[in-house]
Amino acid sequence: MADEHTLREQCLEALKVVRDPEIPVNIVDLGLVYDLEVSAEGDVVIQMTLTSMGCPVQDMIQADTELACMKVEGVRSVDVSFVWSPPWGMDKMTEDGKKQMRMFGFSV
C-alpha cells in the first residue's frame, strides 16, 4: 500500500474529475478542497467548501467527491464535510484554475 503522502496526492489528482456544474473547473483547481488527510489505514477525511452556501448541488458534489477518492487503490473510506469559514473566494483558485476560467471567458 502507498504511504499517506502518496495516497493524499493520488486522491487530490482523482478529485480533478469532480466539477462544479456551474463553473467549468474541477474542485481542486477551483480551491474548494481546504484539507485532505489520509490515515495509515487508508481512511480519507476531506474538508471542503462550495462557492456559495445553500448550493443546490451540494449532495451531488459530495457524492462525486467520495466516489472519486474511493477509486484510488488503498483508500478504505472517505468522509467529506463542508466548512464555510473561511468563505470561498477566487483567491483560493490555483493558477491552472484561473487559466481554465479565462479560457471559458470568465474574468479572474
PDB file of N, CA and C in Angstrom:
ATOM      1  N   MET A   1       0.833  -1.188   0.000  1.00  0.00           N
ATOM      2  CA  MET A   1       0.000   0.000   0.000  1.00  0.00           C
ATOM      3  C   MET A   1       0.879   1.253   0.000  1.00  0.00           C
ATOM      4  N   ALA A   2       0.398   2.287  -0.659  1.00  0.00           N
ATOM      5  CA  ALA A   2       1.132   3.552  -0.737  1.00  0.00           C
ATOM      6  C   ALA A   2       1.162   4.234   0.628  1.00  0.00           C
ATOM      7  N   ASP A   3       2.194   5.057   0.846  1.00  0.00           N
ATOM      8  CA  ASP A   3       2.251   5.796   2.101  1.00  0.00           C
ATOM      9  C   ASP A   3       1.205   6.915   2.079  1.00  0.00           C
ATOM     10  N   GLU A   4       0.988   7.534   3.219  1.00  0.00           N
ATOM     11  CA  GLU A   4      -0.057   8.539   3.356  1.00  0.00           C
ATOM     12  C   GLU A   4       0.126   9.719   2.396  1.00  0.00           C
ATOM     13  N   HIS A   5       1.376  10.162   2.243  1.00  0.00           N
ATOM     14  CA  HIS A   5       1.641  11.299   1.357  1.00  0.00           C
ATOM     15  C   HIS A   5       1.283  10.959  -0.094  1.00  0.00           C
ATOM     16  N   THR A   6       1.715   9.785  -0.539  1.00  0.00           N
ATOM     17  CA  THR A   6       1.426   9.355  -1.908  1.00  0.00           C
ATOM     18  C   THR A   6      -0.071   9.191  -2.109  1.00  0.00           C
ATOM     19  N   LEU A   7      -0.736   8.576  -1.155  1.00  0.00           N
ATOM     20  CA  LEU A   7      -2.187   8.381  -1.236  1.00  0.00           C
ATOM     21  C   LEU A   7      -2.913   9.732  -1.269  1.00  0.00           C
ATOM     22  N   ARG A   8      -2.429  10.673  -0.495  1.00  0.00           N
ATOM     23  CA  ARG A   8      -3.020  12.019  -0.488  1.00  0.00           C
ATOM     24  C   ARG A   8      -2.906  12.644  -1.874  1.00  0.00           C
ATOM     25  N   GLU A   9      -1.731  12.583  -2.464  1.00  0.00           N
ATOM     26  CA  GLU A   9      -1.525  13.153  -3.797  1.00  0.00           C
ATOM     27  C   GLU A   9      -2.394  12.456  -4.843  1.00  0.00           C
ATOM     28  N   GLN A  10      -2.531  11.136  -4.729  1.00  0.00           N
ATOM     29  CA  GLN A  10      -3.376  10.387  -5.662  1.00  0.00           C
ATOM     30  C   GLN A  10      -4.841  10.779  -5.510  1.00  0.00           C
ATOM     31  N   CYS A  11      -5.276  11.010  -4.280  1.00  0.00           N
ATOM     32  CA  CYS A  11      -6.658  11.440  -4.042  1.00  0.00           C
ATOM     33  C   CYS A  11      -6.893  12.827  -4.634  1.00  0.00           C
ATOM     34  N   LEU A  12      -5.961  13.736  -4.413  1.00  0.00           N
ATOM     35  CA  LEU A  12      -6.119  15.082  -4.975  1.00  0.00           C
ATOM     36  C   LEU A  12      -6.193  15.024  -6.495  1.00  0.00           C
ATOM     37  N   GLU A  13      -5.382  14.194  -7.093  1.00  0.00           N
ATOM     38  CA  GLU A  13      -5.416  14.038  -8.553  1.00  0.00           C
ATOM     39  C   GLU A  13      -6.753  13.441  -8.992  1.00  0.00           C
ATOM     40  N   ALA A  14      -7.239  12.448  -8.259  1.00  0.00           N
ATOM     41  CA  ALA A  14      -8.525  11.818  -8.593  1.00  0.00           C
ATOM     42  C   ALA A  14      -9.674  12.811  -8.482  1.00  0.00           C
ATOM     43  N   LEU A  15      -9.570  13.757  -7.565  1.00  0.00           N
ATOM     44  CA  LEU A  15     -10.634  14.736  -7.364  1.00  0.00           C
ATOM     45  C   LEU A  15     -10.735  15.737  -8.512  1.00  0.00           C
ATOM     46  N   LYS A  16      -9.757  15.745  -9.393  1.00  0.00           N
ATOM     47  CA  LYS A  16      -9.798  16.679 -10.519  1.00  0.00           C
ATOM     48  C   LYS A  16     -10.863  16.311 -11.549  1.00  0.00           C
ATOM     49  N   VAL A  17     -11.514  15.160 -11.374  1.00  0.00           N
ATOM     50  CA  VAL A  17     -12.633  14.816 -12.267  1.00  0.00           C
ATOM     51  C   VAL A  17     -13.948  15.402 -11.747  1.00  0.00           C
ATOM     52  N   VAL A  18     -13.951  15.868 -10.504  1.00  0.00           N
ATOM     53  CA  VAL A  18     -15.173  16.411  -9.895  1.00  0.00           C
ATOM     54  C   VAL A  18     -15.252  17.897 -10.216  1.00  0.00           C
ATOM     55  N   ARG A  19     -16.379  18.292 -10.790  1.00  0.00           N
ATOM     56  CA  ARG A  19     -16.558  19.683 -11.190  1.00  0.00           C
ATOM     57  C   ARG A  19     -17.831  20.266 -10.607  1.00  0.00           C
ATOM     58  N   ASP A  20     -17.776  21.539 -10.359  1.00  0.00           N
ATOM     59  CA  ASP A  20     -18.974  22.290 -10.027  1.00  0.00           C
ATOM     60  C   ASP A  20     -19.705  22.464 -11.356  1.00  0.00           C
ATOM     61  N   PRO A  21     -20.968  22.048 -11.467  1.00  0.00           N
ATOM     62  CA  PRO A  21     -21.649  22.100 -12.758  1.00  0.00           C
ATOM     63  C   PRO A  21     -21.832  23.513 -13.321  1.00  0.00           C
ATOM     64  N   GLU A  22     -21.731  24.525 -12.483  1.00  0.00           N
ATOM     65  CA  GLU A  22     -21.904  25.896 -12.967  1.00  0.00           C
ATOM     66  C   GLU A  22     -20.596  26.549 -13.382  1.00  0.00           C
ATOM     67  N   ILE A  23     -19.480  25.970 -12.943  1.00  0.00           N
ATOM     68  CA  ILE A  23     -18.170  26.550 -13.231  1.00  0.00           C
ATOM     69  C   ILE A  23     -17.319  25.453 -13.869  1.00  0.00           C
ATOM     70  N   PRO A  24     -16.745  25.693 -15.032  1.00  0.00           N
ATOM     71  CA  PRO A  24     -16.031  24.644 -15.766  1.00  0.00           C
ATOM     72  C   PRO A  24     -14.618  24.344 -15.246  1.00  0.00           C
ATOM     73  N   VAL A  25     -14.480  24.251 -13.916  1.00  0.00           N
ATOM     74  CA  VAL A  25     -13.178  23.990 -13.300  1.00  0.00           C
ATOM     75  C   VAL A  25     -13.368  22.932 -12.227  1.00  0.00           C
ATOM     76  N   ASN A  26     -12.396  22.031 -12.093  1.00  0.00           N
ATOM     77  CA  ASN A  26     -12.507  20.984 -11.076  1.00  0.00           C
ATOM     78  C   ASN A  26     -12.381  21.572  -9.671  1.00  0.00           C
ATOM     79  N   ILE A  27     -12.850  20.797  -8.686  1.00  0.00           N
ATOM     80  CA  ILE A  27     -12.916  21.302  -7.310  1.00  0.00           C
ATOM     81  C   ILE A  27     -11.547  21.558  -6.684  1.00  0.00           C
ATOM     82  N   VAL A  28     -10.511  20.887  -7.176  1.00  0.00           N
ATOM     83  CA  VAL A  28      -9.162  21.115  -6.639  1.00  0.00           C
ATOM     84  C   VAL A  28      -8.639  22.458  -7.133  1.00  0.00           C
ATOM     85  N   ASP A  29      -8.662  22.656  -8.466  1.00  0.00           N
ATOM     86  CA  ASP A  29      -8.156  23.912  -9.026  1.00  0.00           C
ATOM     87  C   ASP A  29      -9.057  25.095  -8.694  1.00  0.00           C
ATOM     88  N   LEU A  30     -10.323  24.819  -8.413  1.00  0.00           N
ATOM     89  CA  LEU A  30     -11.245  25.874  -8.005  1.00  0.00           C
ATOM     90  C   LEU A  30     -10.952  26.328  -6.567  1.00  0.00           C
ATOM     91  N   GLY A  31     -10.207  25.496  -5.827  1.00  0.00           N
ATOM     92  CA  GLY A  31      -9.848  25.844  -4.454  1.00  0.00           C
ATOM     93  C   GLY A  31     -10.914  25.482  -3.441  1.00  0.00           C
ATOM     94  N   LEU A  32     -11.770  24.533  -3.794  1.00  0.00           N
ATOM     95  CA  LEU A  32     -12.838  24.133  -2.874  1.00  0.00           C
ATOM     96  C   LEU A  32     -12.369  23.122  -1.831  1.00  0.00           C
ATOM     97  N   VAL A  33     -11.287  22.406  -2.097  1.00  0.00           N
ATOM     98  CA  VAL A  33     -10.765  21.422  -1.145  1.00  0.00           C
ATOM     99  C   VAL A  33      -9.812  22.157  -0.199  1.00  0.00           C
ATOM    100  N   TYR A  34     -10.253  22.318   1.046  1.00  0.00           N
ATOM    101  CA  TYR A  34      -9.453  23.038   2.028  1.00  0.00           C
ATOM    102  C   TYR A  34      -8.437  22.132   2.710  1.00  0.00           C
ATOM    103  N   ASP A  35      -8.812  20.881   2.951  1.00  0.00           N
ATOM    104  CA  ASP A  35      -7.902  19.954   3.634  1.00  0.00           C
ATOM    105  C   ASP A  35      -8.239  18.534   3.229  1.00  0.00           C
ATOM    106  N   LEU A  36      -7.225  17.714   3.076  1.00  0.00           N
ATOM    107  CA  LEU A  36      -7.405  16.301   2.762  1.00  0.00           C
ATOM    108  C   LEU A  36      -6.356  15.536   3.556  1.00  0.00           C
ATOM    109  N   GLU A  37      -6.820  14.715   4.481  1.00  0.00           N
ATOM    110  CA  GLU A  37      -5.916  13.924   5.320  1.00  0.00           C
ATOM    111  C   GLU A  37      -6.165  12.449   5.069  1.00  0.00           C
ATOM    112  N   VAL A  38      -5.078  11.680   5.098  1.00  0.00           N
ATOM    113  CA  VAL A  38      -5.147  10.236   4.878  1.00  0.00           C
ATOM    114  C   VAL A  38      -4.466   9.535   6.040  1.00  0.00           C
ATOM    115  N   SER A  39      -5.147   8.550   6.612  1.00  0.00           N
ATOM    116  CA  SER A  39      -4.545   7.774   7.702  1.00  0.00           C
ATOM    117  C   SER A  39      -3.728   6.631   7.116  1.00  0.00           C
ATOM    118  N   ALA A  40      -2.929   6.009   7.955  1.00  0.00           N
ATOM    119  CA  ALA A  40      -2.125   4.867   7.528  1.00  0.00           C
ATOM    120  C   ALA A  40      -2.995   3.705   7.058  1.00  0.00           C
ATOM    121  N   GLU A  41      -4.240   3.659   7.539  1.00  0.00           N
ATOM    122  CA  GLU A  41      -5.158   2.578   7.158  1.00  0.00           C
ATOM    123  C   GLU A  41      -5.895   2.869   5.860  1.00  0.00           C
ATOM    124  N   GLY A  42      -5.736   4.086   5.313  1.00  0.00           N
ATOM    125  CA  GLY A  42      -6.406   4.439   4.070  1.00  0.00           C
ATOM    126  C   GLY A  42      -7.732   5.144   4.247  1.00  0.00           C
ATOM    127  N   ASP A  43      -7.955   5.699   5.434  1.00  0.00           N
ATOM    128  CA  ASP A  43      -9.173   6.481   5.662  1.00  0.00           C
ATOM    129  C   ASP A  43      -8.891   7.929   5.270  1.00  0.00           C
ATOM    130  N   VAL A  44      -9.755   8.478   4.422  1.00  0.00           N
ATOM    131  CA  VAL A  44      -9.572   9.833   3.906  1.00  0.00           C
ATOM    132  C   VAL A  44     -10.621  10.748   4.523  1.00  0.00           C
ATOM    133  N   VAL A  45     -10.155  11.881   5.018  1.00  0.00           N
ATOM    134  CA  VAL A  45     -11.045  12.900   5.570  1.00  0.00           C
ATOM    135  C   VAL A  45     -10.813  14.175   4.766  1.00  0.00           C
ATOM    136  N   ILE A  46     -11.904  14.674   4.176  1.00  0.00           N
ATOM    137  CA  ILE A  46     -11.823  15.858   3.333  1.00  0.00           C
ATOM    138  C   ILE A  46     -12.675  16.965   3.940  1.00  0.00           C
ATOM    139  N   GLN A  47     -12.075  18.137   4.064  1.00  0.00           N
ATOM    140  CA  GLN A  47     -12.827  19.329   4.420  1.00  0.00           C
ATOM    141  C   GLN A  47     -12.833  20.201   3.177  1.00  0.00           C
ATOM    142  N   MET A  48     -14.030  20.560   2.763  1.00  0.00           N
ATOM    143  CA  MET A  48     -14.149  21.372   1.559  1.00  0.00           C
ATOM    144  C   MET A  48     -15.268  22.377   1.724  1.00  0.00           C
ATOM    145  N   THR A  49     -15.369  23.251   0.762  1.00  0.00           N
ATOM    146  CA  THR A  49     -16.421  24.241   0.760  1.00  0.00           C
ATOM    147  C   THR A  49     -17.051  24.261  -0.619  1.00  0.00           C
ATOM    148  N   LEU A  50     -17.995  25.135  -0.807  1.00  0.00           N
ATOM    149  CA  LEU A  50     -18.613  25.354  -2.107  1.00  0.00           C
ATOM    150  C   LEU A  50     -18.544  26.846  -2.405  1.00  0.00           C
ATOM    151  N   THR A  51     -18.838  27.202  -3.631  1.00  0.00           N
ATOM    152  CA  THR A  51     -18.743  28.619  -3.995  1.00  0.00           C
ATOM    153  C   THR A  51     -19.794  29.461  -3.292  1.00  0.00           C
ATOM    154  N   SER A  52     -20.886  28.809  -2.838  1.00  0.00           N
ATOM    155  CA  SER A  52     -21.902  29.540  -2.081  1.00  0.00           C
ATOM    156  C   SER A  52     -22.623  28.601  -1.135  1.00  0.00           C
ATOM    157  N   MET A  53     -23.021  29.139   0.010  1.00  0.00           N
ATOM    158  CA  MET A  53     -23.824  28.373   0.961  1.00  0.00           C
ATOM    159  C   MET A  53     -25.169  28.056   0.324  1.00  0.00           C
ATOM    160  N   GLY A  54     -25.718  26.921   0.642  1.00  0.00           N
ATOM    161  CA  GLY A  54     -27.021  26.568   0.098  1.00  0.00           C
ATOM    162  C   GLY A  54     -26.961  26.152  -1.358  1.00  0.00           C
ATOM    163  N   CYS A  55     -25.779  25.791  -1.822  1.00  0.00           N
ATOM    164  CA  CYS A  55     -25.610  25.354  -3.212  1.00  0.00           C
ATOM    165  C   CYS A  55     -26.540  24.162  -3.470  1.00  0.00           C
ATOM    166  N   PRO A  56     -27.372  24.218  -4.511  1.00  0.00           N
ATOM    167  CA  PRO A  56     -28.339  23.153  -4.759  1.00  0.00           C
ATOM    168  C   PRO A  56     -27.711  21.817  -5.175  1.00  0.00           C
ATOM    169  N   VAL A  57     -26.439  21.826  -5.549  1.00  0.00           N
ATOM    170  CA  VAL A  57     -25.791  20.573  -5.970  1.00  0.00           C
ATOM    171  C   VAL A  57     -24.800  20.056  -4.928  1.00  0.00           C
ATOM    172  N   GLN A  58     -24.934  20.512  -3.688  1.00  0.00           N
ATOM    173  CA  GLN A  58     -24.020  20.090  -2.629  1.00  0.00           C
ATOM    174  C   GLN A  58     -23.973  18.568  -2.499  1.00  0.00           C
ATOM    175  N   ASP A  59     -25.138  17.917  -2.466  1.00  0.00           N
ATOM    176  CA  ASP A  59     -25.167  16.453  -2.309  1.00  0.00           C
ATOM    177  C   ASP A  59     -24.492  15.759  -3.475  1.00  0.00           C
ATOM    178  N   MET A  60     -24.697  16.262  -4.691  1.00  0.00           N
ATOM    179  CA  MET A  60     -24.073  15.660  -5.865  1.00  0.00           C
ATOM    180  C   MET A  60     -22.552  15.805  -5.815  1.00  0.00           C
ATOM    181  N   ILE A  61     -22.081  16.994  -5.449  1.00  0.00           N
ATOM    182  CA  ILE A  61     -20.632  17.214  -5.362  1.00  0.00           C
ATOM    183  C   ILE A  61     -20.030  16.346  -4.263  1.00  0.00           C
ATOM    184  N   GLN A  62     -20.728  16.209  -3.148  1.00  0.00           N
ATOM    185  CA  GLN A  62     -20.243  15.349  -2.066  1.00  0.00           C
ATOM    186  C   GLN A  62     -20.140  13.898  -2.541  1.00  0.00           C
ATOM    187  N   ALA A  63     -21.173  13.396  -3.199  1.00  0.00           N
ATOM    188  CA  ALA A  63     -21.163  12.013  -3.686  1.00  0.00           C
ATOM    189  C   ALA A  63     -20.066  11.809  -4.724  1.00  0.00           C
ATOM    190  N   ASP A  64     -19.912  12.755  -5.645  1.00  0.00           N
ATOM    191  CA  ASP A  64     -18.866  12.653  -6.672  1.00  0.00           C
ATOM    192  C   ASP A  64     -17.479  12.664  -6.039  1.00  0.00           C
ATOM    193  N   THR A  65     -17.308  13.482  -4.994  1.00  0.00           N
ATOM    194  CA  THR A  65     -16.023  13.562  -4.291  1.00  0.00           C
ATOM    195  C   THR A  65     -15.706  12.228  -3.614  1.00  0.00           C
ATOM    196  N   GLU A  66     -16.681  11.668  -2.931  1.00  0.00           N
ATOM    197  CA  GLU A  66     -16.481  10.376  -2.266  1.00  0.00           C
ATOM    198  C   GLU A  66     -16.151   9.284  -3.279  1.00  0.00           C
ATOM    199  N   LEU A  67     -16.911   9.226  -4.366  1.00  0.00           N
ATOM    200  CA  LEU A  67     -16.682   8.189  -5.390  1.00  0.00           C
ATOM    201  C   LEU A  67     -15.309   8.322  -6.038  1.00  0.00           C
ATOM    202  N   ALA A  68     -14.900   9.542  -6.337  1.00  0.00           N
ATOM    203  CA  ALA A  68     -13.600   9.757  -6.976  1.00  0.00           C
ATOM    204  C   ALA A  68     -12.467   9.259  -6.079  1.00  0.00           C
ATOM    205  N   CYS A  69     -12.543   9.560  -4.783  1.00  0.00           N
ATOM    206  CA  CYS A  69     -11.494   9.114  -3.856  1.00  0.00           C
ATOM    207  C   CYS A  69     -11.524   7.605  -3.643  1.00  0.00           C
ATOM    208  N   MET A  70     -12.712   7.037  -3.603  1.00  0.00           N
ATOM    209  CA  MET A  70     -12.821   5.594  -3.380  1.00  0.00           C
ATOM    210  C   MET A  70     -12.209   4.791  -4.527  1.00  0.00           C
ATOM    211  N   LYS A  71     -12.062   5.394  -5.690  1.00  0.00           N
ATOM    212  CA  LYS A  71     -11.451   4.707  -6.835  1.00  0.00           C
ATOM    213  C   LYS A  71      -9.941   4.586  -6.709  1.00  0.00           C
ATOM    214  N   VAL A  72      -9.348   5.329  -5.787  1.00  0.00           N
ATOM    215  CA  VAL A  72      -7.902   5.286  -5.585  1.00  0.00           C
ATOM    216  C   VAL A  72      -7.549   4.016  -4.809  1.00  0.00           C
ATOM    217  N   GLU A  73      -6.652   3.237  -5.361  1.00  0.00           N
ATOM    218  CA  GLU A  73      -6.244   1.999  -4.705  1.00  0.00           C
ATOM    219  C   GLU A  73      -5.614   2.308  -3.354  1.00  0.00           C
ATOM    220  N   GLY A  74      -6.093   1.622  -2.329  1.00  0.00           N
ATOM    221  CA  GLY A  74      -5.576   1.819  -0.981  1.00  0.00           C
ATOM    222  C   GLY A  74      -6.496   2.648  -0.098  1.00  0.00           C
ATOM    223  N   VAL A  75      -7.504   3.290  -0.700  1.00  0.00           N
ATOM    224  CA  VAL A  75      -8.455   4.074   0.087  1.00  0.00           C
ATOM    225  C   VAL A  75      -9.521   3.133   0.638  1.00  0.00           C
ATOM    226  N   ARG A  76      -9.700   3.178   1.947  1.00  0.00           N
ATOM    227  CA  ARG A  76     -10.669   2.304   2.619  1.00  0.00           C
ATOM    228  C   ARG A  76     -12.000   3.004   2.852  1.00  0.00           C
ATOM    229  N   SER A  77     -11.949   4.289   3.197  1.00  0.00           N
ATOM    230  CA  SER A  77     -13.181   5.051   3.437  1.00  0.00           C
ATOM    231  C   SER A  77     -12.926   6.519   3.138  1.00  0.00           C
ATOM    232  N   VAL A  78     -14.024   7.243   2.890  1.00  0.00           N
ATOM    233  CA  VAL A  78     -13.924   8.678   2.614  1.00  0.00           C
ATOM    234  C   VAL A  78     -15.019   9.389   3.405  1.00  0.00           C
ATOM    235  N   ASP A  79     -14.617  10.420   4.125  1.00  0.00           N
ATOM    236  CA  ASP A  79     -15.558  11.242   4.878  1.00  0.00           C
ATOM    237  C   ASP A  79     -15.397  12.678   4.399  1.00  0.00           C
ATOM    238  N   VAL A  80     -16.457  13.237   3.821  1.00  0.00           N
ATOM    239  CA  VAL A  80     -16.441  14.612   3.315  1.00  0.00           C
ATOM    240  C   VAL A  80     -17.288  15.479   4.223  1.00  0.00           C
ATOM    241  N   SER A  81     -16.710  16.574   4.680  1.00  0.00           N
ATOM    242  CA  SER A  81     -17.503  17.543   5.441  1.00  0.00           C
ATOM    243  C   SER A  81     -17.302  18.917   4.813  1.00  0.00           C
ATOM    244  N   PHE A  82     -18.368  19.715   4.896  1.00  0.00           N
ATOM    245  CA  PHE A  82     -18.334  21.059   4.331  1.00  0.00           C
ATOM    246  C   PHE A  82     -18.099  22.076   5.439  1.00  0.00           C
ATOM    247  N   VAL A  83     -17.231  23.013   5.143  1.00  0.00           N
ATOM    248  CA  VAL A  83     -16.938  24.107   6.066  1.00  0.00           C
ATOM    249  C   VAL A  83     -17.193  25.421   5.331  1.00  0.00           C
ATOM    250  N   TRP A  84     -17.578  26.416   6.076  1.00  0.00           N
ATOM    251  CA  TRP A  84     -17.933  27.691   5.446  1.00  0.00           C
ATOM    252  C   TRP A  84     -17.030  28.827   5.879  1.00  0.00           C
ATOM    253  N   SER A  85     -16.040  28.499   6.700  1.00  0.00           N
ATOM    254  CA  SER A  85     -15.100  29.507   7.144  1.00  0.00           C
ATOM    255  C   SER A  85     -13.693  28.953   6.987  1.00  0.00           C
ATOM    256  N   PRO A  86     -12.850  29.609   6.263  1.00  0.00           N
ATOM    257  CA  PRO A  86     -13.100  30.876   5.591  1.00  0.00           C
ATOM    258  C   PRO A  86     -13.966  30.667   4.345  1.00  0.00           C
ATOM    259  N   PRO A  87     -14.732  31.696   3.976  1.00  0.00           N
ATOM    260  CA  PRO A  87     -15.554  31.556   2.786  1.00  0.00           C
ATOM    261  C   PRO A  87     -14.690  31.458   1.536  1.00  0.00           C
ATOM    262  N   TRP A  88     -15.226  30.770   0.537  1.00  0.00           N
ATOM    263  CA  TRP A  88     -14.507  30.624  -0.722  1.00  0.00           C
ATOM    264  C   TRP A  88     -14.446  31.967  -1.444  1.00  0.00           C
ATOM    265  N   GLY A  89     -13.342  32.196  -2.112  1.00  0.00           N
ATOM    266  CA  GLY A  89     -13.175  33.359  -2.983  1.00  0.00           C
ATOM    267  C   GLY A  89     -12.245  32.981  -4.115  1.00  0.00           C
ATOM    268  N   MET A  90     -12.235  33.744  -5.161  1.00  0.00           N
ATOM    269  CA  MET A  90     -11.397  33.429  -6.329  1.00  0.00           C
ATOM    270  C   MET A  90      -9.911  33.382  -5.990  1.00  0.00           C
ATOM    271  N   ASP A  91      -9.532  34.000  -4.890  1.00  0.00           N
ATOM    272  CA  ASP A  91      -8.137  33.960  -4.461  1.00  0.00           C
ATOM    273  C   ASP A  91      -7.705  32.554  -4.054  1.00  0.00           C
ATOM    274  N   LYS A  92      -8.655  31.655  -3.837  1.00  0.00           N
ATOM    275  CA  LYS A  92      -8.342  30.279  -3.440  1.00  0.00           C
ATOM    276  C   LYS A  92      -8.001  29.401  -4.646  1.00  0.00           C
ATOM    277  N   MET A  93      -8.278  29.889  -5.849  1.00  0.00           N
ATOM    278  CA  MET A  93      -8.058  29.106  -7.058  1.00  0.00           C
ATOM    279  C   MET A  93      -6.569  28.954  -7.364  1.00  0.00           C
ATOM    280  N   THR A  94      -6.218  27.815  -7.967  1.00  0.00           N
ATOM    281  CA  THR A  94      -4.846  27.623  -8.428  1.00  0.00           C
ATOM    282  C   THR A  94      -4.648  28.425  -9.712  1.00  0.00           C
ATOM    283  N   GLU A  95      -3.412  28.578 -10.123  1.00  0.00           N
ATOM    284  CA  GLU A  95      -3.146  29.266 -11.390  1.00  0.00           C
ATOM    285  C   GLU A  95      -3.776  28.500 -12.556  1.00  0.00           C
ATOM    286  N   ASP A  96      -3.746  27.162 -12.499  1.00  0.00           N
ATOM    287  CA  ASP A  96      -4.399  26.358 -13.537  1.00  0.00           C
ATOM    288  C   ASP A  96      -5.897  26.635 -13.573  1.00  0.00           C
ATOM    289  N   GLY A  97      -6.505  26.759 -12.402  1.00  0.00           N
ATOM    290  CA  GLY A  97      -7.931  27.053 -12.324  1.00  0.00           C
ATOM    291  C   GLY A  97      -8.265  28.403 -12.933  1.00  0.00           C
ATOM    292  N   LYS A  98      -7.447  29.395 -12.631  1.00  0.00           N
ATOM    293  CA  LYS A  98      -7.667  30.730 -13.193  1.00  0.00           C
ATOM    294  C   LYS A  98      -7.506  30.717 -14.712  1.00  0.00           C
ATOM    295  N   LYS A  99      -6.526  29.971 -15.176  1.00  0.00           N
ATOM    296  CA  LYS A  99      -6.306  29.856 -16.620  1.00  0.00           C
ATOM    297  C   LYS A  99      -7.515  29.208 -17.298  1.00  0.00           C
ATOM    298  N   GLN A 100      -8.045  28.150 -16.681  1.00  0.00           N
ATOM    299  CA  GLN A 100      -9.225  27.485 -17.232  1.00  0.00           C
ATOM    300  C   GLN A 100     -10.412  28.442 -17.271  1.00  0.00           C
ATOM    301  N   MET A 101     -10.585  29.218 -16.217  1.00  0.00           N
ATOM    302  CA  MET A 101     -11.691  30.179 -16.175  1.00  0.00           C
ATOM    303  C   MET A 101     -11.565  31.201 -17.308  1.00  0.00           C
ATOM    304  N   ARG A 102     -10.347  31.713 -17.529  1.00  0.00           N
ATOM    305  CA  ARG A 102     -10.140  32.683 -18.596  1.00  0.00           C
ATOM    306  C   ARG A 102     -10.432  32.065 -19.965  1.00  0.00           C
ATOM    307  N   MET A 103     -10.094  30.783 -20.135  1.00  0.00           N
ATOM    308  CA  MET A 103     -10.347  30.106 -21.415  1.00  0.00           C
ATOM    309  C   MET A 103     -11.849  30.057 -21.703  1.00  0.00           C
ATOM    310  N   PHE A 104     -12.675  30.000 -20.671  1.00  0.00           N
ATOM    311  CA  PHE A 104     -14.119  29.946 -20.841  1.00  0.00           C
ATOM    312  C   PHE A 104     -14.769  31.330 -20.780  1.00  0.00           C
ATOM    313  N   GLY A 105     -13.940  32.366 -20.782  1.00  0.00           N
ATOM    314  CA  GLY A 105     -14.469  33.724 -20.853  1.00  0.00           C
ATOM    315  C   GLY A 105     -14.798  34.371 -19.526  1.00  0.00           C
ATOM    316  N   PHE A 106     -14.432  33.726 -18.422  1.00  0.00           N
ATOM    317  CA  PHE A 106     -14.662  34.338 -17.116  1.00  0.00           C
ATOM    318  C   PHE A 106     -13.493  35.272 -16.803  1.00  0.00           C
ATOM    319  N   SER A 107     -13.767  36.361 -16.117  1.00  0.00           N
ATOM    320  CA  SER A 107     -12.670  37.248 -15.721  1.00  0.00           C
ATOM    321  C   SER A 107     -12.262  36.890 -14.285  1.00  0.00           C
ATOM    322  N   VAL A 108     -10.982  36.688 -14.104  1.00  0.00           N
ATOM    323  CA  VAL A 108     -10.439  36.365 -12.772  1.00  0.00           C
ATOM    324  C   VAL A 108      -9.233  37.221 -12.483  1.00  0.00           C
TER     325      VAL A 108
END
